[in-house]
């Protein structure tokens, strides 16, 4: 559709939004702009209010000129469309509703055509949605601090302390600094989880390989223990350090097959004689070339003894054995997922946000989760929250189940505000043109009047329905936000109680080194200074924290209490009580000679 003229746009907006007749007191253009600048920030309960609703609330009895009313109604619709395109936290929605009056001011100072061009204020809204789409109300102190910093910048623009360019630059700078921190946290978490996943995958493939070559074969007790013990560990190390597609894995797979076949109690003696001379040394040479340290010499000496027994006609007796258990979640191929779903999940990119909303959970489990690892080799997905704390590590199969039940859905922050405005304008113009066409086709004045009247009633009903829908959505979102805030509050209180219950000699995992939690001993509590002093295992001080800092770290999962020290305190108390009681006893009673007598 070609870019419409300003005359066409204004006519379409007036026809679509059917502004009410002005009252006795009407805002002119300058008074309206002043009123828009002066609108206060939205509270939690008002966060969904449109510009028109805010004007009616703060300027009772004053109406707008028809053209201004239509312009602001159109901007309200555009903002509602933007917010409806995804699921944002109520604070994020409030930010965007607070910015909306500044968009209206631009349209009033120039004309609506300016909204069809790139605008710095559009960049701000897109940036806030993109960076804050994962924010949730239950992120505790870190989440609140994050919001406070953003609110300071946006409120600076809303209340005139910053211009649009300054606000945009400050937000870009803030988000860039935060991203550096988040990237480090994600990299550390991914490295840790990959190490675990590689280990799990190594166990799976090592067990599968051994089970394949050991199944239904007569093997002696020693060989069974060796294969399912040290050889099983060796297979895992080769997989972890070299990978499944490596030449080393192919070589050790061949060695495993040869070893299991040659060590059976009924093996061919001539072939066994040849392998007894070559295979142990080949295995030792293979291990020497691996990128890790591993000793197999002692094991090979025992294998040689087993060969000697087979060749002498006195092999060790065969024993029954169980195959190694395997983790089915490590099985490749999506575990029976439909190929289309499998491909869709495999294509998910790092950084995508999802809303996890389990309607079947009695505790109303709701979270915004970010994908930071999609490892197709194991069909595993790793998710964090906005604080970059691990939330879920699940298989493709589990994720597919969540998708089918609509428990998980993607949060889409794509699309530009400029494109949204243009699309909304196209909708308005086409609906008005369709109405004009119906009016032109009306042959009689009476019929024309009926069509026009029906159109106005329909539009009024649509506007009322849209407003009610927004209010209902706001109510549901506020209820959800309150539930999450209550959960965060309970978690914070529980952490405070846990910290208050710490005693001397308690053990707590603390982030004394970046990227890892280290068990530390609580060596002293100084109530006057509000200090908890921690040492390492050899008694050297490693950190001190206030009670608030400790509880905050527990809430953000950056700390973990291992032992409160209560047991030690109780034991000490019982010993002291016993000593006091013993003061009243005689030597004979204490030594037991009294009862013997």
Protein backbone atom coordinates (compact mmCIF):
# COMPACT_ATOMS: atom_id res chain seq x y z
CA UNK A 1 0.00 0.00 0.00
CA UNK A 2 1.38 3.41 -1.02
CA UNK A 3 2.06 5.98 1.68
CA UNK A 4 -1.22 7.85 2.26
CA UNK A 5 -1.52 11.62 2.32
CA UNK A 6 -1.98 13.48 5.60
CA UNK A 7 -5.53 14.43 4.52
CA UNK A 8 -6.40 10.77 3.95
CA UNK A 9 -4.92 9.77 7.31
CA UNK A 10 -6.77 12.44 9.30
CA UNK A 11 -10.07 11.65 7.60
CA UNK A 12 -9.62 7.93 8.19
CA UNK A 13 -8.79 8.38 11.87
CA UNK A 14 -11.82 10.61 12.49
CA UNK A 15 -14.03 8.12 10.67
CA UNK A 16 -12.62 5.12 12.53
CA UNK A 17 -12.44 6.45 16.08
CA UNK A 18 -15.66 8.58 15.90
CA UNK A 19 -14.56 11.18 18.49
CA UNK A 20 -17.30 12.38 20.86
CA UNK A 21 -18.59 15.93 20.52
CA UNK A 22 -16.39 18.42 22.41
CA UNK A 23 -17.70 19.62 25.78
CA UNK A 24 -17.79 23.22 26.93
CA UNK A 25 -14.12 23.09 27.99
CA UNK A 26 -11.75 21.91 25.26
CA UNK A 27 -7.97 21.56 25.25
CA UNK A 28 -6.34 23.41 22.38
CA UNK A 29 -3.17 21.98 20.83
CA UNK A 30 -0.71 23.74 23.16
CA UNK A 31 -2.73 22.98 26.31
CA UNK A 32 -2.94 19.31 25.30
CA UNK A 33 0.83 19.04 24.81
CA UNK A 34 1.39 20.64 28.21
CA UNK A 35 -1.04 18.16 29.77
CA UNK A 36 0.70 15.24 28.10
CA UNK A 37 4.10 16.33 29.40
CA UNK A 38 2.65 16.69 32.89
CA UNK A 39 1.03 13.25 33.15
CA UNK A 40 2.44 11.47 36.23
CA UNK A 41 4.11 8.06 36.07
CA UNK A 42 1.76 5.10 36.19
CA UNK A 43 1.31 3.12 39.38
CA UNK A 44 1.07 -0.67 39.53
CA UNK A 45 -2.73 -0.51 39.34
CA UNK A 46 -2.76 1.98 36.44
CA UNK A 47 -0.03 0.48 34.31
CA UNK A 48 -2.37 -0.52 31.46
CA UNK A 49 -4.14 2.85 31.24
CA UNK A 50 -4.19 4.45 27.79
CA UNK A 51 -3.33 8.10 27.17
CA UNK A 52 -7.02 8.98 26.77
CA UNK A 53 -7.83 7.25 30.07
CA UNK A 54 -5.05 9.13 31.83
CA UNK A 55 -6.24 12.48 30.45
CA UNK A 56 -9.81 11.77 31.57
CA UNK A 57 -8.51 10.79 35.03
CA UNK A 58 -6.36 13.87 35.58
CA UNK A 59 -8.45 16.44 33.65
CA UNK A 60 -12.06 15.65 34.43
CA UNK A 61 -14.60 17.56 32.35
CA UNK A 62 -12.14 18.65 29.67
CA UNK A 63 -12.46 17.16 26.19
CA UNK A 64 -10.22 17.12 23.14
CA UNK A 65 -10.65 18.46 19.65
CA UNK A 66 -11.91 15.72 17.27
CA UNK A 67 -8.63 15.54 15.34
CA UNK A 68 -6.53 15.39 18.53
CA UNK A 69 -8.82 12.76 20.04
CA UNK A 70 -8.51 10.57 16.93
CA UNK A 71 -4.71 10.98 16.87
CA UNK A 72 -4.29 9.96 20.49
CA UNK A 73 -6.77 7.08 20.14
CA UNK A 74 -4.71 5.82 17.20
CA UNK A 75 -1.46 6.03 19.20
CA UNK A 76 -3.16 4.21 22.09
CA UNK A 77 -4.12 1.42 19.71
CA UNK A 78 -0.58 1.21 18.35
CA UNK A 79 0.85 0.93 21.87
CA UNK A 80 -1.72 -1.73 22.78
CA UNK A 81 -0.76 -3.68 19.64
CA UNK A 82 2.92 -3.45 20.59
CA UNK A 83 2.21 -4.73 24.11
CA UNK A 84 -0.11 -7.44 22.80
CA UNK A 85 2.56 -8.81 20.48
CA UNK A 86 4.35 -10.46 23.40
CA UNK A 87 4.06 -11.02 27.15
CA UNK A 88 5.86 -8.40 29.25
CA UNK A 89 6.09 -7.80 32.98
CA UNK A 90 3.79 -5.07 34.29
CA UNK A 91 6.71 -2.74 35.01
CA UNK A 92 7.88 -2.98 31.41
CA UNK A 93 4.36 -2.23 30.18
CA UNK A 94 4.26 0.78 32.51
CA UNK A 95 7.52 2.09 31.01
CA UNK A 96 6.05 1.91 27.51
CA UNK A 97 2.73 3.48 28.55
CA UNK A 98 4.72 6.28 30.23
CA UNK A 99 6.63 6.88 26.99
CA UNK A 100 3.47 6.89 24.84
CA UNK A 101 2.46 10.53 25.66
CA UNK A 102 5.81 11.69 24.23
CA UNK A 103 4.93 9.95 20.96
CA UNK A 104 1.61 11.81 20.99
CA UNK A 105 3.44 15.11 21.55
CA UNK A 106 5.58 14.45 18.46
CA UNK A 107 2.45 13.82 16.37
CA UNK A 108 0.79 16.98 17.70
CA UNK A 109 3.87 19.15 17.15
CA UNK A 110 4.30 17.92 13.57
CA UNK A 111 1.72 15.57 12.07
CA UNK A 112 0.99 11.85 11.95
CA UNK A 113 3.28 11.35 8.95
CA UNK A 114 6.24 11.70 11.30
CA UNK A 115 5.21 8.44 12.97
CA UNK A 116 5.71 6.63 9.66
CA UNK A 117 9.42 7.48 9.75
CA UNK A 118 12.23 6.14 12.00
CA UNK A 119 12.18 7.83 15.42
CA UNK A 120 14.67 7.71 18.28
CA UNK A 121 11.80 7.29 20.72
CA UNK A 122 10.77 4.14 18.82
CA UNK A 123 14.32 2.85 19.30
CA UNK A 124 13.93 3.34 23.06
CA UNK A 125 10.74 1.27 23.20
CA UNK A 126 12.25 -1.50 21.06
CA UNK A 127 15.38 -1.52 23.23
CA UNK A 128 13.39 -1.77 26.46
CA UNK A 129 11.27 -4.64 25.11
CA UNK A 130 14.28 -6.50 23.74
CA UNK A 131 16.39 -6.18 26.89
CA UNK A 132 13.62 -6.53 29.49
CA UNK A 133 11.41 -9.19 27.92
CA UNK A 134 12.85 -11.77 30.33
CA UNK A 135 12.31 -9.71 33.47
CA UNK A 136 9.88 -11.17 35.98
CA UNK A 137 8.48 -10.00 39.29
CA UNK A 138 10.11 -12.76 41.36
CA UNK A 139 13.78 -11.99 40.64
CA UNK A 140 14.41 -10.61 44.10
CA UNK A 141 16.91 -7.89 44.95
CA UNK A 142 18.87 -8.19 41.70
CA UNK A 143 15.71 -7.90 39.62
CA UNK A 144 14.52 -4.88 41.60
CA UNK A 145 17.89 -3.14 41.27
CA UNK A 146 17.85 -3.76 37.52
CA UNK A 147 14.41 -2.16 37.21
CA UNK A 148 15.33 0.80 39.39
CA UNK A 149 18.25 1.69 37.13
CA UNK A 150 16.07 1.55 34.02
CA UNK A 151 13.27 3.50 35.72
CA UNK A 152 15.71 6.27 36.65
CA UNK A 153 16.71 6.72 33.02
CA UNK A 154 13.21 6.53 31.53
CA UNK A 155 11.69 8.76 34.20
CA UNK A 156 14.43 11.26 33.42
CA UNK A 157 13.03 11.53 29.90
CA UNK A 158 9.36 11.37 30.91
CA UNK A 159 9.79 14.23 33.41
CA UNK A 160 12.01 16.32 31.14
CA UNK A 161 15.36 15.87 32.86
CA UNK A 162 16.74 14.05 29.80
CA UNK A 163 15.98 14.54 26.13
CA UNK A 164 15.23 11.57 23.87
CA UNK A 165 18.81 11.29 22.60
CA UNK A 166 20.27 11.33 26.11
CA UNK A 167 17.79 8.69 27.29
CA UNK A 168 18.58 6.47 24.31
CA UNK A 169 22.34 6.77 24.85
CA UNK A 170 22.10 6.07 28.58
CA UNK A 171 19.95 2.97 28.01
CA UNK A 172 22.32 1.64 25.35
CA UNK A 173 25.28 2.19 27.68
CA UNK A 174 23.52 0.55 30.64
CA UNK A 175 22.39 -2.52 28.69
CA UNK A 176 25.85 -2.92 27.10
CA UNK A 177 27.52 -2.98 30.53
CA UNK A 178 24.97 -5.46 31.85
CA UNK A 179 25.45 -7.68 28.79
CA UNK A 180 29.19 -8.00 29.47
CA UNK A 181 28.39 -9.35 32.95
CA UNK A 182 25.64 -11.63 31.63
CA UNK A 183 27.91 -13.02 28.90
CA UNK A 184 30.54 -14.01 31.47
CA UNK A 185 27.91 -15.69 33.65
CA UNK A 186 26.40 -17.54 30.70
CA UNK A 187 29.81 -18.71 29.45
CA UNK A 188 30.74 -20.03 32.90
CA UNK A 189 27.40 -21.79 33.31
CA UNK A 190 27.53 -23.28 29.81
CA UNK A 191 31.06 -24.56 30.37
CA UNK A 192 30.01 -26.19 33.64
CA UNK A 193 26.87 -27.75 32.15
CA UNK A 194 28.71 -28.92 29.03
CA UNK A 195 31.23 -30.67 31.22
CA UNK A 196 28.39 -32.48 32.98
CA UNK A 197 26.59 -33.29 29.71
CA UNK A 198 29.75 -34.56 28.04
CA UNK A 199 30.34 -36.78 31.07
CA UNK A 200 26.79 -38.10 30.92
CA UNK A 201 27.05 -38.69 27.20
CA UNK A 202 30.42 -40.39 27.67
CA UNK A 203 28.86 -42.78 30.21
CA UNK A 204 26.02 -43.53 27.81
CA UNK A 205 28.17 -44.34 24.79
CA UNK A 206 30.78 -46.22 26.85
CA UNK A 207 28.04 -48.37 28.39
CA UNK A 208 26.36 -48.92 25.01
CA UNK A 209 29.68 -50.03 23.48
CA UNK A 210 30.48 -52.43 26.31
CA UNK A 211 26.97 -53.86 26.43
CA UNK A 212 27.10 -54.48 22.69
CA UNK A 213 30.36 -56.47 22.87
CA UNK A 214 29.78 -58.20 26.22
CA UNK A 215 26.20 -59.36 25.68
CA UNK A 216 25.74 -63.16 25.58
CA UNK A 217 29.50 -63.84 25.80
CA UNK A 218 31.08 -66.20 28.37
CA UNK A 219 33.52 -64.07 30.36
CA UNK A 220 35.38 -64.67 33.60
CA UNK A 221 34.69 -62.70 36.76
CA UNK A 222 37.97 -60.79 36.49
CA UNK A 223 37.36 -59.81 32.87
CA UNK A 224 33.81 -58.70 33.69
CA UNK A 225 35.07 -56.52 36.55
CA UNK A 226 37.88 -55.14 34.43
CA UNK A 227 35.65 -54.27 31.46
CA UNK A 228 32.86 -52.75 33.56
CA UNK A 229 35.37 -51.03 35.84
CA UNK A 230 38.66 -49.55 34.64
CA UNK A 231 37.97 -50.15 30.92
CA UNK A 232 34.56 -48.49 31.23
CA UNK A 233 36.28 -45.45 32.81
CA UNK A 234 38.89 -45.43 30.03
CA UNK A 235 36.16 -45.43 27.36
CA UNK A 236 34.52 -42.43 29.02
CA UNK A 237 37.80 -40.49 29.12
CA UNK A 238 38.45 -41.13 25.43
CA UNK A 239 34.93 -39.97 24.58
CA UNK A 240 35.18 -36.82 26.73
CA UNK A 241 38.63 -35.77 25.51
CA UNK A 242 38.47 -36.91 21.89
CA UNK A 243 34.79 -37.13 20.90
CA UNK A 244 32.60 -39.74 19.28
CA UNK A 245 33.72 -38.95 15.71
CA UNK A 246 37.43 -39.03 16.50
CA UNK A 247 39.93 -41.62 15.29
CA UNK A 248 40.75 -42.39 18.94
CA UNK A 249 37.14 -43.41 19.65
CA UNK A 250 37.07 -45.61 16.56
CA UNK A 251 40.34 -47.24 17.63
CA UNK A 252 39.25 -47.94 21.21
CA UNK A 253 35.93 -49.28 19.89
CA UNK A 254 37.89 -51.77 17.77
CA UNK A 255 40.16 -52.62 20.70
CA UNK A 256 37.09 -53.24 22.89
CA UNK A 257 35.60 -55.63 20.35
CA UNK A 258 38.88 -57.51 19.94
CA UNK A 259 39.47 -57.68 23.70
CA UNK A 260 36.03 -59.07 24.54
CA UNK A 261 36.15 -61.64 21.76
CA UNK A 262 39.64 -62.87 22.60
CA UNK A 263 39.10 -63.20 26.36
CA UNK A 264 36.16 -65.56 26.27
CA UNK A 265 36.70 -68.87 28.02
CA UNK A 266 36.01 -70.76 24.76
CA UNK A 267 38.17 -68.52 22.53
CA UNK A 268 40.27 -69.98 19.72
CA UNK A 269 43.72 -70.79 21.17
CA UNK A 270 45.80 -69.92 18.10
CA UNK A 271 44.10 -66.56 17.70
CA UNK A 272 44.39 -66.02 21.45
CA UNK A 273 48.14 -66.77 21.30
CA UNK A 274 48.64 -64.10 18.64
CA UNK A 275 46.54 -61.53 20.48
CA UNK A 276 48.25 -62.28 23.79
CA UNK A 277 51.52 -61.17 22.21
CA UNK A 278 50.20 -58.03 20.48
CA UNK A 279 46.99 -56.69 22.06
CA UNK A 280 48.23 -55.63 25.56
CA UNK A 281 51.16 -53.68 24.07
CA UNK A 282 48.85 -52.12 21.44
CA UNK A 283 46.49 -50.96 24.20
CA UNK A 284 49.37 -49.50 26.24
CA UNK A 285 50.67 -47.66 23.15
CA UNK A 286 47.16 -46.35 22.37
CA UNK A 287 46.66 -44.99 25.90
CA UNK A 288 50.11 -43.34 25.82
CA UNK A 289 48.99 -41.25 22.81
CA UNK A 290 45.73 -40.02 24.40
CA UNK A 291 45.54 -36.38 25.63
CA UNK A 292 45.06 -37.47 29.25
CA UNK A 293 46.96 -39.51 31.83
CA UNK A 294 45.75 -43.06 32.37
CA UNK A 295 47.52 -46.18 33.62
CA UNK A 296 46.64 -49.59 32.15
CA UNK A 297 49.89 -51.49 32.74
CA UNK A 298 48.68 -53.36 35.82
CA UNK A 299 45.40 -54.14 34.10
CA UNK A 300 47.23 -55.52 31.07
CA UNK A 301 49.37 -57.78 33.27
CA UNK A 302 46.17 -59.36 34.55
CA UNK A 303 44.89 -59.68 30.97
CA UNK A 304 48.10 -61.49 30.05
CA UNK A 305 47.53 -63.91 32.96
CA UNK A 306 44.01 -64.52 31.68
CA UNK A 307 45.41 -65.27 28.22
CA UNK A 308 47.90 -67.70 29.82
CA UNK A 309 45.07 -69.55 31.55
CA UNK A 310 43.11 -69.88 28.30
CA UNK A 311 46.20 -71.12 26.40
CA UNK A 312 47.10 -73.65 29.14
CA UNK A 313 43.63 -75.12 29.00
CA UNK A 314 42.76 -73.86 32.48
CA UNK A 315 40.69 -70.71 31.83
CA UNK A 316 38.82 -68.95 34.60
CA UNK A 317 35.18 -70.08 34.76
CA UNK A 318 32.56 -67.94 33.04
CA UNK A 319 30.22 -65.92 35.27
CA UNK A 320 26.79 -64.44 34.84
CA UNK A 321 26.66 -60.66 34.80
CA UNK A 322 24.29 -57.75 34.29
CA UNK A 323 24.74 -55.26 31.47
CA UNK A 324 25.49 -51.66 32.43
CA UNK A 325 22.54 -49.34 32.91
CA UNK A 326 22.19 -46.49 30.41
CA UNK A 327 20.51 -43.09 30.67
CA UNK A 328 17.71 -43.08 28.08
CA UNK A 329 17.71 -39.27 27.96
CA UNK A 330 21.19 -39.40 26.38
CA UNK A 331 19.91 -41.48 23.48
CA UNK A 332 20.26 -39.53 20.20
CA UNK A 333 17.48 -38.92 17.71
CA UNK A 334 14.98 -36.94 19.78
CA UNK A 335 13.64 -40.01 21.61
CA UNK A 336 10.68 -40.56 19.34
CA UNK A 337 9.84 -36.91 18.67
CA UNK A 338 8.23 -36.18 15.30
CA UNK A 339 10.88 -35.06 12.81
CA UNK A 340 9.24 -31.67 12.29
CA UNK A 341 9.24 -30.92 16.02
CA UNK A 342 12.77 -32.28 16.33
CA UNK A 343 14.00 -29.91 13.61
CA UNK A 344 12.11 -26.98 15.11
CA UNK A 345 13.71 -27.51 18.53
CA UNK A 346 17.16 -28.11 17.04
CA UNK A 347 16.86 -24.76 15.21
CA UNK A 348 16.25 -22.77 18.41
CA UNK A 349 18.94 -20.12 18.85
CA UNK A 350 20.80 -19.02 21.95
CA UNK A 351 19.25 -15.93 23.53
CA UNK A 352 15.60 -16.73 22.74
CA UNK A 353 13.13 -16.11 25.56
CA UNK A 354 10.20 -18.31 26.55
CA UNK A 355 7.34 -18.09 29.03
CA UNK A 356 7.02 -21.18 31.20
CA UNK A 357 3.50 -21.30 32.64
CA UNK A 358 2.44 -24.63 34.10
CA UNK A 359 -1.31 -24.37 34.57
CA UNK A 360 -1.36 -27.81 36.23
CA UNK A 361 1.03 -26.72 38.98
CA UNK A 362 -0.83 -25.88 42.19
CA UNK A 363 1.93 -23.40 43.07
CA UNK A 364 1.37 -21.47 39.82
CA UNK A 365 4.84 -22.08 38.49
CA UNK A 366 5.55 -19.19 36.12
CA UNK A 367 8.92 -18.10 34.81
CA UNK A 368 10.52 -16.29 31.89
CA UNK A 369 13.39 -18.44 30.72
CA UNK A 370 16.28 -17.76 28.34
CA UNK A 371 17.87 -20.45 26.16
CA UNK A 372 21.65 -20.31 26.55
CA UNK A 373 22.62 -23.78 25.31
CA UNK A 374 21.12 -26.01 22.61
CA UNK A 375 23.40 -29.03 22.38
CA UNK A 376 22.12 -31.16 19.54
CA UNK A 377 24.61 -33.95 20.22
CA UNK A 378 22.69 -34.84 23.38
CA UNK A 379 19.31 -33.25 22.53
CA UNK A 380 19.56 -31.04 25.62
CA UNK A 381 18.44 -27.46 26.32
CA UNK A 382 19.74 -25.24 29.12
CA UNK A 383 17.67 -22.29 30.36
CA UNK A 384 18.36 -19.44 32.79
CA UNK A 385 16.29 -16.61 34.20
CA UNK A 386 16.94 -12.88 33.73
CA UNK A 387 19.51 -12.99 36.55
CA UNK A 388 21.33 -15.67 34.52
CA UNK A 389 20.73 -18.35 37.14
CA UNK A 390 20.11 -21.89 35.94
CA UNK A 391 16.41 -22.72 35.73
CA UNK A 392 16.13 -25.89 33.68
CA UNK A 393 18.27 -28.46 31.88
CA UNK A 394 15.83 -30.56 29.88
CA UNK A 395 15.77 -32.95 26.93
CA UNK A 396 14.18 -32.30 23.55
CA UNK A 397 11.54 -34.84 24.49
CA UNK A 398 10.57 -32.92 27.64
CA UNK A 399 10.58 -29.61 25.76
CA UNK A 400 8.34 -31.09 23.03
CA UNK A 401 5.87 -32.13 25.74
CA UNK A 402 5.84 -28.62 27.18
CA UNK A 403 5.24 -27.19 23.70
CA UNK A 404 2.32 -29.53 22.98
CA UNK A 405 0.65 -28.65 26.30
CA UNK A 406 1.31 -24.92 25.76
CA UNK A 407 3.25 -24.86 29.03
CA UNK A 408 6.11 -23.20 27.15
CA UNK A 409 5.69 -20.58 24.45
CA UNK A 410 8.20 -18.33 22.81
CA UNK A 411 8.29 -14.65 23.71
CA UNK A 412 8.75 -12.75 20.46
CA UNK A 413 10.37 -9.31 20.56
CA UNK A 414 10.85 -9.01 16.80
CA UNK A 415 9.37 -6.26 14.64
CA UNK A 416 9.78 -2.50 14.75
CA UNK A 417 7.48 0.14 16.18
CA UNK A 418 7.52 1.93 12.83
CA UNK A 419 6.22 -1.21 11.13
CA UNK A 420 3.52 -1.60 13.80
CA UNK A 421 2.33 1.99 13.28
CA UNK A 422 2.17 1.49 9.52
CA UNK A 423 0.29 -1.80 9.85
CA UNK A 424 -2.22 -0.27 12.27
CA UNK A 425 -2.75 2.67 9.91
CA UNK A 426 -3.40 0.27 7.03
CA UNK A 427 -6.05 -1.50 9.14
CA UNK A 428 -7.78 1.81 9.94
CA UNK A 429 -7.76 3.09 6.35
CA UNK A 430 -9.03 -0.17 4.87
CA UNK A 431 -11.89 -0.45 7.36
CA UNK A 432 -12.93 3.15 6.75
CA UNK A 433 -12.71 2.65 2.96
CA UNK A 434 -14.87 -0.49 3.24
CA UNK A 435 -17.47 1.52 5.18
CA UNK A 436 -17.40 4.31 2.58
CA UNK A 437 -17.92 1.73 -0.14
CA UNK A 438 -20.98 0.36 1.65
CA UNK A 439 -22.38 3.88 2.06
CA UNK A 440 -21.85 4.65 -1.65
CA UNK A 441 -23.68 1.47 -2.58
CA UNK A 442 -26.69 2.48 -0.44
CA UNK A 443 -29.44 3.67 -2.81
CA UNK A 444 -31.74 5.38 -0.38
CA UNK A 445 -31.04 8.08 2.24
CA UNK A 446 -32.82 5.99 4.86
CA UNK A 447 -30.60 3.00 4.09
CA UNK A 448 -27.50 5.21 4.19
CA UNK A 449 -28.52 6.54 7.59
CA UNK A 450 -29.02 3.01 8.90
CA UNK A 451 -25.60 1.88 7.62
CA UNK A 452 -23.86 4.89 9.15
CA UNK A 453 -25.63 4.47 12.46
CA UNK A 454 -24.83 0.75 12.56
CA UNK A 455 -21.16 1.50 11.82
CA UNK A 456 -20.93 3.98 14.70
CA UNK A 457 -22.59 1.55 17.10
CA UNK A 458 -20.28 -1.25 15.98
CA UNK A 459 -17.19 0.89 16.39
CA UNK A 460 -18.34 2.03 19.83
CA UNK A 461 -18.89 -1.59 20.85
CA UNK A 462 -15.45 -2.58 19.50
CA UNK A 463 -13.76 0.22 21.41
CA UNK A 464 -15.56 -0.71 24.65
CA UNK A 465 -14.74 -4.40 24.15
CA UNK A 466 -11.08 -3.57 23.52
CA UNK A 467 -10.94 -1.46 26.68
CA UNK A 468 -12.58 -4.19 28.74
CA UNK A 469 -10.21 -6.77 27.27
CA UNK A 470 -7.22 -4.65 28.23
CA UNK A 471 -8.56 -4.18 31.75
CA UNK A 472 -9.14 -7.92 32.17
CA UNK A 473 -5.68 -8.70 30.83
CA UNK A 474 -4.20 -6.12 33.19
CA UNK A 475 -6.09 -7.63 36.12
CA UNK A 476 -4.81 -11.14 35.33
CA UNK A 477 -1.27 -9.91 34.86
CA UNK A 478 -1.41 -7.96 38.13
CA UNK A 479 -2.66 -11.06 39.96
CA UNK A 480 0.18 -13.09 38.46
CA UNK A 481 2.68 -10.38 39.38
CA UNK A 482 1.44 -10.33 42.97
CA UNK A 483 1.79 -14.12 43.23
CA UNK A 484 5.38 -13.90 42.00
CA UNK A 485 6.18 -11.01 44.33
CA UNK A 486 4.77 -12.99 47.27
CA UNK A 487 6.94 -15.96 46.32
CA UNK A 488 10.01 -13.74 46.11
CA UNK A 489 9.15 -12.23 49.50
CA UNK A 490 8.75 -15.68 51.08
CA UNK A 491 12.05 -16.78 49.59
CA UNK A 492 13.75 -13.67 50.95
CA UNK A 493 12.28 -14.20 54.44
CA UNK A 494 13.30 -17.86 54.38
CA UNK A 495 16.85 -16.82 53.49
CA UNK A 496 16.90 -14.27 56.31
CA UNK A 497 15.71 -16.93 58.78
CA UNK A 498 18.35 -19.34 57.48
CA UNK A 499 21.12 -16.76 57.94
CA UNK A 500 19.86 -15.86 61.41
CA UNK A 501 20.05 -19.56 62.29
CA UNK A 502 23.72 -19.90 61.37
CA UNK A 503 26.08 -20.83 64.19
CA UNK A 504 29.83 -20.92 64.57
CA UNK A 505 31.30 -23.83 62.56
CA UNK A 506 28.49 -23.68 60.01
CA UNK A 507 29.55 -24.54 56.46
CA UNK A 508 28.36 -22.37 53.58
CA UNK A 509 29.21 -22.45 49.88
CA UNK A 510 30.42 -18.98 48.86
CA UNK A 511 31.59 -17.37 45.59
CA UNK A 512 35.15 -16.73 46.80
CA UNK A 513 36.39 -17.58 43.29
CA UNK A 514 34.66 -16.46 40.12
CA UNK A 515 32.48 -19.09 38.51
CA UNK A 516 32.47 -21.56 41.41
CA UNK A 517 31.10 -21.97 44.94
CA UNK A 518 33.60 -22.99 47.62
CA UNK A 519 32.65 -24.58 50.98
CA UNK A 520 33.67 -22.14 53.74
CA UNK A 521 33.50 -22.34 57.54
CA UNK A 522 31.77 -19.67 59.60
CA UNK A 523 34.54 -18.76 62.01
CA UNK A 524 32.99 -15.80 63.81
CA UNK A 525 29.82 -13.71 64.09
CA UNK A 526 30.20 -10.08 65.18
CA UNK A 527 26.66 -8.82 65.96
CA UNK A 528 27.70 -5.21 66.60
CA UNK A 529 29.36 -4.88 63.23
CA UNK A 530 26.84 -7.18 61.49
CA UNK A 531 29.63 -9.35 60.16
CA UNK A 532 29.86 -13.05 59.40
CA UNK A 533 33.52 -14.03 58.98
CA UNK A 534 34.37 -17.11 56.92
CA UNK A 535 37.56 -19.14 56.55
CA UNK A 536 38.66 -21.92 54.25
CA UNK A 537 39.38 -25.49 55.38
CA UNK A 538 42.82 -24.55 56.72
CA UNK A 539 41.51 -21.61 58.75
CA UNK A 540 42.53 -18.69 56.51
CA UNK A 541 39.97 -15.88 56.25
CA UNK A 542 38.42 -15.75 52.79
CA UNK A 543 35.41 -13.44 53.16
CA UNK A 544 33.11 -11.50 55.45
CA UNK A 545 29.51 -10.55 54.77
CA UNK A 546 26.64 -8.78 56.46
CA UNK A 547 23.44 -10.71 57.20
CA UNK A 548 21.71 -8.88 54.33
CA UNK A 549 24.46 -9.77 51.87
CA UNK A 550 24.35 -13.43 52.88
CA UNK A 551 20.58 -13.69 52.58
CA UNK A 552 20.69 -11.93 49.21
CA UNK A 553 23.28 -14.42 47.92
CA UNK A 554 21.10 -17.32 49.05
CA UNK A 555 18.06 -15.84 47.29
CA UNK A 556 20.06 -15.36 44.07
CA UNK A 557 21.48 -18.90 44.39
CA UNK A 558 24.98 -17.48 44.68
CA UNK A 559 25.41 -19.19 48.03
CA UNK A 560 24.27 -22.40 49.70
CA UNK A 561 24.14 -23.42 53.35
CA UNK A 562 25.65 -26.89 53.81
CA UNK A 563 25.58 -27.15 57.60
CA UNK A 564 24.13 -24.60 60.04
CA UNK A 565 26.41 -25.67 62.86
CA UNK A 566 23.39 -26.51 65.02
CA UNK A 567 24.46 -30.11 65.60
CA UNK A 568 27.87 -29.02 66.90
CA UNK A 569 26.23 -26.46 69.18
CA UNK A 570 23.81 -29.05 70.57
CA UNK A 571 26.63 -31.53 71.19
CA UNK A 572 28.68 -28.85 72.94
CA UNK A 573 25.69 -27.84 75.05
CA UNK A 574 25.08 -31.46 76.11
CA UNK A 575 28.75 -31.90 77.04
CA UNK A 576 28.73 -28.74 79.17
CA UNK A 577 25.48 -29.81 80.86
CA UNK A 578 26.98 -33.20 81.55
CA UNK A 579 30.10 -31.69 83.10
CA UNK A 580 27.99 -29.52 85.38
CA UNK A 581 25.94 -32.52 86.47
CA UNK A 582 29.06 -34.56 87.08
CA UNK A 583 30.26 -32.05 89.69
CA UNK A 584 27.64 -33.50 92.03
CA UNK A 585 28.74 -37.11 91.47
CA UNK A 586 31.37 -39.06 93.38
CA UNK A 587 34.43 -40.67 91.80
CA UNK A 588 32.88 -44.10 92.28
CA UNK A 589 29.69 -43.06 90.45
CA UNK A 590 31.66 -41.58 87.56
CA UNK A 591 33.97 -44.56 87.21
CA UNK A 592 31.19 -47.12 87.54
CA UNK A 593 32.70 -48.81 90.61
CA UNK A 594 29.73 -47.70 92.70
CA UNK A 595 27.24 -49.87 90.81
CA UNK A 596 29.71 -52.75 90.72
CA UNK A 597 29.97 -52.67 94.47
